[in-house]
């Protein structure tokens, strides 16, 4: 298969995932059907099935893409800090600063849909296991895991709509997380002025 043919296949697959994301965001997991995705993408049902054989396959691909974006975002922030548990924790906080005020309708719908799919949950579990392994050397023992679960709880709470912090309240929380991250191995704070937006204050949002 030539490069051009592979590129067309990849583009078509991404188009289908974009359409699936739009359907999921608009109507949740129940609305995510092959027919609905085909209509959203302007393709035949067979055209979608050629790339993704089922709704579960679409969910798995959406989870994989979401996790890849998350890893890339954290890695970009981590490149601006020193190696080690503190650098990773600071990178996660910095990425959270960037993502906190984004529209979470898609993330919420994807998380709920993935919860019904053990294979999709395996991707999230692997991500958590990776982070915990890298934070295992933090001092004092257990501090890295505690901070990770604090960050994870904040993310999950925001995704599920349990809270929507803004302004000074959000800044106080992010500041506390950064101080806790620095304390893991006495690393310097992340240079938020060059973190690709990580240093922007989280704007106030209305509920």
Protein backbone atom coordinates (compact mmCIF):
# COMPACT_ATOMS: atom_id res chain seq x y z
CA UNK A 1 0.00 0.00 0.00
CA UNK A 2 1.44 3.37 -1.00
CA UNK A 3 1.94 6.35 1.27
CA UNK A 4 -0.86 8.27 -0.43
CA UNK A 5 -3.32 5.42 0.07
CA UNK A 6 -2.35 5.08 3.74
CA UNK A 7 -2.73 8.82 4.18
CA UNK A 8 -6.24 8.75 2.72
CA UNK A 9 -7.17 5.86 5.02
CA UNK A 10 -5.78 7.69 8.04
CA UNK A 11 -7.61 10.88 7.09
CA UNK A 12 -10.87 8.98 6.68
CA UNK A 13 -10.40 7.27 10.05
CA UNK A 14 -9.77 10.64 11.73
CA UNK A 15 -12.85 12.11 10.03
CA UNK A 16 -14.93 9.27 11.42
CA UNK A 17 -13.51 9.78 14.93
CA UNK A 18 -14.23 13.51 14.71
CA UNK A 19 -17.81 12.67 13.73
CA UNK A 20 -18.10 10.14 16.55
CA UNK A 21 -16.86 12.77 18.98
CA UNK A 22 -19.47 15.24 17.76
CA UNK A 23 -22.25 12.68 18.16
CA UNK A 24 -21.02 11.73 21.61
CA UNK A 25 -20.75 15.35 22.72
CA UNK A 26 -24.23 16.14 21.47
CA UNK A 27 -26.16 13.10 22.64
CA UNK A 28 -24.00 10.96 24.91
CA UNK A 29 -23.23 7.27 24.65
CA UNK A 30 -26.78 6.25 23.75
CA UNK A 31 -26.67 8.45 20.67
CA UNK A 32 -23.39 6.95 19.48
CA UNK A 33 -24.43 4.53 16.75
CA UNK A 34 -22.78 3.60 13.47
CA UNK A 35 -25.70 5.16 11.59
CA UNK A 36 -25.41 8.43 13.51
CA UNK A 37 -21.66 8.61 12.99
CA UNK A 38 -22.05 7.88 9.27
CA UNK A 39 -24.61 10.65 8.93
CA UNK A 40 -22.41 13.10 10.85
CA UNK A 41 -19.38 12.22 8.73
CA UNK A 42 -21.28 12.25 5.42
CA UNK A 43 -20.34 8.63 4.76
CA UNK A 44 -22.18 5.40 4.18
CA UNK A 45 -22.62 3.01 7.07
CA UNK A 46 -20.34 0.59 5.25
CA UNK A 47 -17.69 3.31 4.99
CA UNK A 48 -17.66 3.66 8.78
CA UNK A 49 -17.71 -0.11 9.36
CA UNK A 50 -14.72 -0.48 7.04
CA UNK A 51 -12.65 1.40 9.63
CA UNK A 52 -14.50 0.66 12.88
CA UNK A 53 -16.47 -2.56 13.12
CA UNK A 54 -18.65 -1.56 16.05
CA UNK A 55 -19.61 1.14 18.53
CA UNK A 56 -17.14 -0.38 20.99
CA UNK A 57 -14.37 -0.04 18.42
CA UNK A 58 -15.21 3.65 18.06
CA UNK A 59 -15.12 4.16 21.82
CA UNK A 60 -11.77 2.39 22.09
CA UNK A 61 -10.32 4.57 19.33
CA UNK A 62 -11.69 7.75 20.94
CA UNK A 63 -10.21 6.78 24.31
CA UNK A 64 -6.85 5.99 22.70
CA UNK A 65 -6.82 9.37 20.94
CA UNK A 66 -7.81 11.21 24.12
CA UNK A 67 -5.09 9.50 26.14
CA UNK A 68 -2.50 10.22 23.42
CA UNK A 69 -3.43 13.91 23.55
CA UNK A 70 -3.18 13.85 27.35
CA UNK A 71 0.25 12.22 27.29
CA UNK A 72 1.49 14.68 24.67
CA UNK A 73 0.19 17.66 26.63
CA UNK A 74 1.83 16.55 29.85
CA UNK A 75 5.09 15.70 28.04
CA UNK A 76 5.20 19.19 26.51
CA UNK A 77 4.89 20.74 29.96
CA UNK A 78 7.33 18.26 31.49
CA UNK A 79 9.99 19.25 28.94
CA UNK A 80 10.11 22.65 30.66
CA UNK A 81 10.92 21.24 34.08
CA UNK A 82 13.60 19.09 35.65
CA UNK A 83 13.44 15.29 35.47
CA UNK A 84 11.99 13.36 38.37
CA UNK A 85 8.76 13.09 40.36
CA UNK A 86 8.55 16.82 41.00
CA UNK A 87 8.91 17.64 37.30
CA UNK A 88 6.20 15.18 36.34
CA UNK A 89 3.82 16.43 39.02
CA UNK A 90 4.41 20.05 38.03
CA UNK A 91 3.77 19.11 34.40
CA UNK A 92 0.47 17.50 35.31
CA UNK A 93 -0.60 20.60 37.24
CA UNK A 94 0.48 22.84 34.36
CA UNK A 95 -1.47 20.76 31.85
CA UNK A 96 -4.50 20.85 34.13
CA UNK A 97 -4.26 24.65 34.19
CA UNK A 98 -4.45 24.65 30.40
CA UNK A 99 -7.30 22.16 30.16
CA UNK A 100 -9.42 23.10 33.17
CA UNK A 101 -11.59 25.67 31.43
CA UNK A 102 -12.08 23.68 28.23
CA UNK A 103 -15.52 22.39 27.29
CA UNK A 104 -15.87 19.06 29.08
CA UNK A 105 -19.06 17.77 27.43
CA UNK A 106 -17.04 15.40 25.24
CA UNK A 107 -14.77 14.20 28.05
CA UNK A 108 -17.77 13.57 30.29
CA UNK A 109 -19.67 11.63 27.63
CA UNK A 110 -16.57 9.62 26.67
CA UNK A 111 -15.82 8.73 30.28
CA UNK A 112 -19.37 7.54 30.88
CA UNK A 113 -19.39 5.54 27.65
CA UNK A 114 -15.99 4.02 28.44
CA UNK A 115 -17.17 2.98 31.91
CA UNK A 116 -19.39 0.37 30.24
CA UNK A 117 -16.46 -1.06 28.28
CA UNK A 118 -13.82 -2.96 30.28
CA UNK A 119 -11.33 -2.75 27.41
CA UNK A 120 -11.69 1.02 27.24
CA UNK A 121 -11.21 1.30 30.99
CA UNK A 122 -7.99 -0.67 30.60
CA UNK A 123 -6.51 2.29 28.73
CA UNK A 124 -7.30 4.65 31.60
CA UNK A 125 -5.95 2.15 34.13
CA UNK A 126 -2.71 1.84 32.18
CA UNK A 127 -2.32 5.63 32.17
CA UNK A 128 -2.84 5.78 35.94
CA UNK A 129 -0.38 2.92 36.51
CA UNK A 130 2.25 4.67 34.38
CA UNK A 131 1.94 7.90 36.35
CA UNK A 132 2.04 6.13 39.72
CA UNK A 133 5.14 4.15 38.73
CA UNK A 134 6.96 7.33 37.75
CA UNK A 135 5.98 9.02 41.02
CA UNK A 136 6.97 6.05 43.18
CA UNK A 137 10.39 7.54 44.02
CA UNK A 138 8.93 10.73 45.44
CA UNK A 139 9.76 11.66 49.01
CA UNK A 140 8.32 11.16 51.52
CA UNK A 141 7.00 7.72 50.49
CA UNK A 142 3.44 7.91 49.26
CA UNK A 143 3.54 11.66 48.66
CA UNK A 144 3.69 11.28 44.88
CA UNK A 145 0.68 8.96 44.78
CA UNK A 146 -1.25 11.23 47.14
CA UNK A 147 -0.62 14.25 44.91
CA UNK A 148 -1.48 12.30 41.77
CA UNK A 149 -4.83 11.24 43.19
CA UNK A 150 -5.51 14.82 44.29
CA UNK A 151 -4.94 15.95 40.68
CA UNK A 152 -6.97 13.03 39.35
CA UNK A 153 -9.83 13.82 41.72
CA UNK A 154 -9.84 17.43 40.56
CA UNK A 155 -9.92 16.33 36.92
CA UNK A 156 -12.65 13.76 37.48
CA UNK A 157 -14.76 16.13 39.54
CA UNK A 158 -14.52 18.81 36.85
CA UNK A 159 -15.26 16.30 34.08
CA UNK A 160 -18.34 14.97 35.85
CA UNK A 161 -19.59 18.45 36.68
CA UNK A 162 -19.10 18.25 40.45
CA UNK A 163 -17.35 21.62 40.52
CA UNK A 164 -16.41 24.47 38.22
CA UNK A 165 -13.89 26.65 40.01
CA UNK A 166 -12.76 29.99 38.67
CA UNK A 167 -10.75 33.09 39.45
CA UNK A 168 -9.02 33.34 42.83
CA UNK A 169 -10.40 30.02 44.07
CA UNK A 170 -8.87 28.14 41.16
CA UNK A 171 -5.56 29.99 41.50
CA UNK A 172 -5.32 29.13 45.18
CA UNK A 173 -5.89 25.46 44.40
CA UNK A 174 -3.42 25.34 41.51
CA UNK A 175 -0.86 27.18 43.62
CA UNK A 176 -1.26 24.66 46.44
CA UNK A 177 -0.82 21.78 43.99
CA UNK A 178 2.33 23.38 42.57
CA UNK A 179 3.82 23.83 46.04
CA UNK A 180 3.08 20.21 46.87
CA UNK A 181 4.66 19.12 43.58
CA UNK A 182 7.82 21.14 44.25
CA UNK A 183 8.11 19.55 47.67
CA UNK A 184 8.34 16.03 46.22
CA UNK A 185 12.03 16.43 45.47
CA UNK A 186 12.66 20.12 46.12
CA UNK A 187 12.55 20.90 42.39
CA UNK A 188 12.09 24.44 41.06
CA UNK A 189 8.64 25.56 39.92
CA UNK A 190 7.73 25.14 36.26
CA UNK A 191 8.43 28.25 34.19
CA UNK A 192 4.77 29.04 33.56
CA UNK A 193 5.65 32.03 31.35
CA UNK A 194 6.84 29.61 28.63
CA UNK A 195 4.58 26.62 29.28
CA UNK A 196 2.42 27.10 26.23
CA UNK A 197 -0.33 28.83 28.17
CA UNK A 198 0.12 26.83 31.36
CA UNK A 199 0.67 30.01 33.29
CA UNK A 200 -2.54 31.72 32.29
CA UNK A 201 -4.89 32.36 35.16
CA UNK A 202 -7.98 30.19 34.98
CA UNK A 203 -10.75 32.64 34.08
CA UNK A 204 -13.89 32.71 36.13
CA UNK A 205 -16.72 30.66 34.73
CA UNK A 206 -20.40 30.85 35.44
CA UNK A 207 -22.13 27.68 36.57
